[in-house]
Amino acid sequence: MCGIGDGLGSRSDAYRRALDPVHRPLAGSTSRVGQRLMARNLVALKRVPQHRSWTTERILRRMVAEKRIPFHKVGGLVLIDLDDLDAYTEAGRVTPTRQGGV
């Protein structure tokens, strides 16, 4: 559940479920602010590698510290929108300039 270093601190179960995409409540059961946050694909930084296997928590923390990716900070919790992360990786895509071998 809520352990040391899991990125969630001593948050309530309802708060954790609201941030976890798997346990989000049904529409209409939260405030307008909560609905706007849940409309985005926000995930706690520690849980992003579960959704995007190409990254690690350490890389994400460095990118947040360098402000290379957009993020939200709620108290001590760092939230990352998976769509923003996908856009960042797509922007770094390099297309080949020529066809054929090496």
C-alpha atoms as a PDB file:
ATOM      1  CA  MET A   1       0.000   0.000   0.000  1.00  0.00           C
ATOM      2  CA  CYS A   2       1.680   3.175   1.203  1.00  0.00           C
ATOM      3  CA  GLY A   3       5.290   2.481   2.035  1.00  0.00           C
ATOM      4  CA  ILE A   4       8.413   4.494   2.452  1.00  0.00           C
ATOM      5  CA  GLY A   5       9.747   5.740  -0.853  1.00  0.00           C
ATOM      6  CA  ASP A   6       6.715   4.815  -2.966  1.00  0.00           C
ATOM      7  CA  GLY A   7       6.254   8.454  -3.960  1.00  0.00           C
ATOM      8  CA  LEU A   8       2.893   8.751  -2.230  1.00  0.00           C
ATOM      9  CA  GLY A   9       3.891   9.656   1.348  1.00  0.00           C
ATOM     10  CA  SER A  10       1.053   9.309   3.836  1.00  0.00           C
ATOM     11  CA  ARG A  11      -1.784  10.074   1.430  1.00  0.00           C
ATOM     12  CA  SER A  12      -5.267   8.723   2.040  1.00  0.00           C
ATOM     13  CA  ASP A  13      -6.476   5.673   0.122  1.00  0.00           C
ATOM     14  CA  ALA A  14      -9.081   7.758  -1.730  1.00  0.00           C
ATOM     15  CA  TYR A  15      -6.417  10.233  -2.860  1.00  0.00           C
ATOM     16  CA  ARG A  16      -4.153   7.429  -4.119  1.00  0.00           C
ATOM     17  CA  ARG A  17      -7.029   5.746  -5.962  1.00  0.00           C
ATOM     18  CA  ALA A  18      -7.962   9.060  -7.623  1.00  0.00           C
ATOM     19  CA  LEU A  19      -4.423   9.400  -9.002  1.00  0.00           C
ATOM     20  CA  ASP A  20      -4.068   5.779 -10.067  1.00  0.00           C
ATOM     21  CA  PRO A  21      -5.630   5.294 -13.541  1.00  0.00           C
ATOM     22  CA  VAL A  22      -6.715   1.753 -12.664  1.00  0.00           C
ATOM     23  CA  HIS A  23      -8.701   2.843  -9.592  1.00  0.00           C
ATOM     24  CA  ARG A  24     -10.225   6.097 -10.821  1.00  0.00           C
ATOM     25  CA  PRO A  25     -13.790   6.661  -9.605  1.00  0.00           C
ATOM     26  CA  LEU A  26     -16.734   6.927 -11.960  1.00  0.00           C
ATOM     27  CA  ALA A  27     -17.424  10.288 -13.584  1.00  0.00           C
ATOM     28  CA  GLY A  28     -19.598  12.569 -11.488  1.00  0.00           C
ATOM     29  CA  SER A  29     -18.345  11.238  -8.162  1.00  0.00           C
ATOM     30  CA  THR A  30     -15.603  13.866  -7.674  1.00  0.00           C
ATOM     31  CA  SER A  31     -15.277  17.642  -7.689  1.00  0.00           C
ATOM     32  CA  ARG A  32     -14.726  19.666 -10.871  1.00  0.00           C
ATOM     33  CA  VAL A  33     -11.035  20.076 -10.070  1.00  0.00           C
ATOM     34  CA  GLY A  34     -10.695  16.340  -9.498  1.00  0.00           C
ATOM     35  CA  GLN A  35     -12.467  15.643 -12.779  1.00  0.00           C
ATOM     36  CA  ARG A  36     -10.098  17.970 -14.669  1.00  0.00           C
ATOM     37  CA  LEU A  37      -7.080  16.247 -13.132  1.00  0.00           C
ATOM     38  CA  MET A  38      -8.478  12.809 -13.923  1.00  0.00           C
ATOM     39  CA  ALA A  39      -9.271  13.837 -17.505  1.00  0.00           C
ATOM     40  CA  ARG A  40      -5.511  14.075 -17.949  1.00  0.00           C
ATOM     41  CA  ASN A  41      -3.438  10.933 -17.852  1.00  0.00           C
ATOM     42  CA  LEU A  42      -1.512  11.898 -14.684  1.00  0.00           C
ATOM     43  CA  VAL A  43       0.619   9.242 -13.042  1.00  0.00           C
ATOM     44  CA  ALA A  44       2.911   9.461 -10.012  1.00  0.00           C
ATOM     45  CA  LEU A  45       6.552   9.642 -11.117  1.00  0.00           C
ATOM     46  CA  LYS A  46       7.399   6.391  -9.331  1.00  0.00           C
ATOM     47  CA  ARG A  47       4.708   4.540 -11.330  1.00  0.00           C
ATOM     48  CA  VAL A  48       5.572   5.862 -14.811  1.00  0.00           C
ATOM     49  CA  PRO A  49       8.067   3.022 -15.562  1.00  0.00           C
ATOM     50  CA  GLN A  50       5.157   0.567 -15.113  1.00  0.00           C
ATOM     51  CA  HIS A  51       3.363   2.314 -17.983  1.00  0.00           C
ATOM     52  CA  ARG A  52       6.396   3.169 -20.154  1.00  0.00           C
ATOM     53  CA  SER A  53       8.974   0.385 -19.972  1.00  0.00           C
ATOM     54  CA  TRP A  54      11.626   2.361 -21.875  1.00  0.00           C
ATOM     55  CA  THR A  55      12.289   4.699 -18.937  1.00  0.00           C
ATOM     56  CA  THR A  56      13.362   4.475 -15.298  1.00  0.00           C
ATOM     57  CA  GLU A  57      12.521   6.495 -12.215  1.00  0.00           C
ATOM     58  CA  ARG A  58      16.061   7.879 -12.056  1.00  0.00           C
ATOM     59  CA  ILE A  59      15.932   9.221 -15.624  1.00  0.00           C
ATOM     60  CA  LEU A  60      12.542  10.825 -14.990  1.00  0.00           C
ATOM     61  CA  ARG A  61      13.708  12.472 -11.754  1.00  0.00           C
ATOM     62  CA  ARG A  62      16.710  13.942 -13.591  1.00  0.00           C
ATOM     63  CA  MET A  63      14.480  15.210 -16.417  1.00  0.00           C
ATOM     64  CA  VAL A  64      12.111  16.813 -13.870  1.00  0.00           C
ATOM     65  CA  ALA A  65      15.025  18.428 -11.999  1.00  0.00           C
ATOM     66  CA  GLU A  66      16.352  19.825 -15.289  1.00  0.00           C
ATOM     67  CA  LYS A  67      12.784  20.850 -16.259  1.00  0.00           C
ATOM     68  CA  ARG A  68      13.081  19.006 -19.576  1.00  0.00           C
ATOM     69  CA  ILE A  69       9.592  17.499 -19.318  1.00  0.00           C
ATOM     70  CA  PRO A  70       6.330  19.056 -18.095  1.00  0.00           C
ATOM     71  CA  PHE A  71       5.141  17.886 -14.676  1.00  0.00           C
ATOM     72  CA  HIS A  72       2.681  18.762 -11.924  1.00  0.00           C
ATOM     73  CA  LYS A  73       3.593  18.964  -8.269  1.00  0.00           C
ATOM     74  CA  VAL A  74       0.868  18.404  -5.685  1.00  0.00           C
ATOM     75  CA  GLY A  75       2.445  18.812  -2.265  1.00  0.00           C
ATOM     76  CA  GLY A  76       5.468  16.528  -2.428  1.00  0.00           C
ATOM     77  CA  LEU A  77       3.967  14.307  -5.115  1.00  0.00           C
ATOM     78  CA  VAL A  78       5.341  14.685  -8.659  1.00  0.00           C
ATOM     79  CA  LEU A  79       2.788  13.801 -11.330  1.00  0.00           C
ATOM     80  CA  ILE A  80       3.591  13.293 -15.001  1.00  0.00           C
ATOM     81  CA  ASP A  81       1.071  13.314 -17.828  1.00  0.00           C
ATOM     82  CA  LEU A  82       1.786  10.263 -19.994  1.00  0.00           C
ATOM     83  CA  ASP A  83       0.617  12.168 -23.080  1.00  0.00           C
ATOM     84  CA  ASP A  84       3.216  14.889 -22.399  1.00  0.00           C
ATOM     85  CA  LEU A  85       5.896  12.224 -21.996  1.00  0.00           C
ATOM     86  CA  ASP A  86       4.880  10.595 -25.291  1.00  0.00           C
ATOM     87  CA  ALA A  87       5.008  14.001 -27.023  1.00  0.00           C
ATOM     88  CA  TYR A  88       8.513  14.590 -25.610  1.00  0.00           C
ATOM     89  CA  THR A  89       9.785  11.277 -26.949  1.00  0.00           C
ATOM     90  CA  GLU A  90       8.105  11.824 -30.329  1.00  0.00           C
ATOM     91  CA  ALA A  91       9.776  15.252 -30.607  1.00  0.00           C
ATOM     92  CA  GLY A  92      13.159  13.537 -30.232  1.00  0.00           C
ATOM     93  CA  ARG A  93      12.467  11.079 -33.043  1.00  0.00           C
ATOM     94  CA  VAL A  94      15.110  10.990 -35.755  1.00  0.00           C
ATOM     95  CA  THR A  95      14.097   9.835 -39.226  1.00  0.00           C
ATOM     96  CA  PRO A  96      16.595   8.201 -41.557  1.00  0.00           C
ATOM     97  CA  THR A  97      17.979  10.439 -44.298  1.00  0.00           C
ATOM     98  CA  ARG A  98      18.836   7.701 -46.767  1.00  0.00           C
ATOM     99  CA  GLN A  99      17.637   4.247 -47.677  1.00  0.00           C
ATOM    100  CA  GLY A 100      19.757   1.151 -47.642  1.00  0.00           C
ATOM    101  CA  GLY A 101      22.555  -0.251 -45.548  1.00  0.00           C
ATOM    102  CA  VAL A 102      25.159   1.293 -43.365  1.00  0.00           C
END
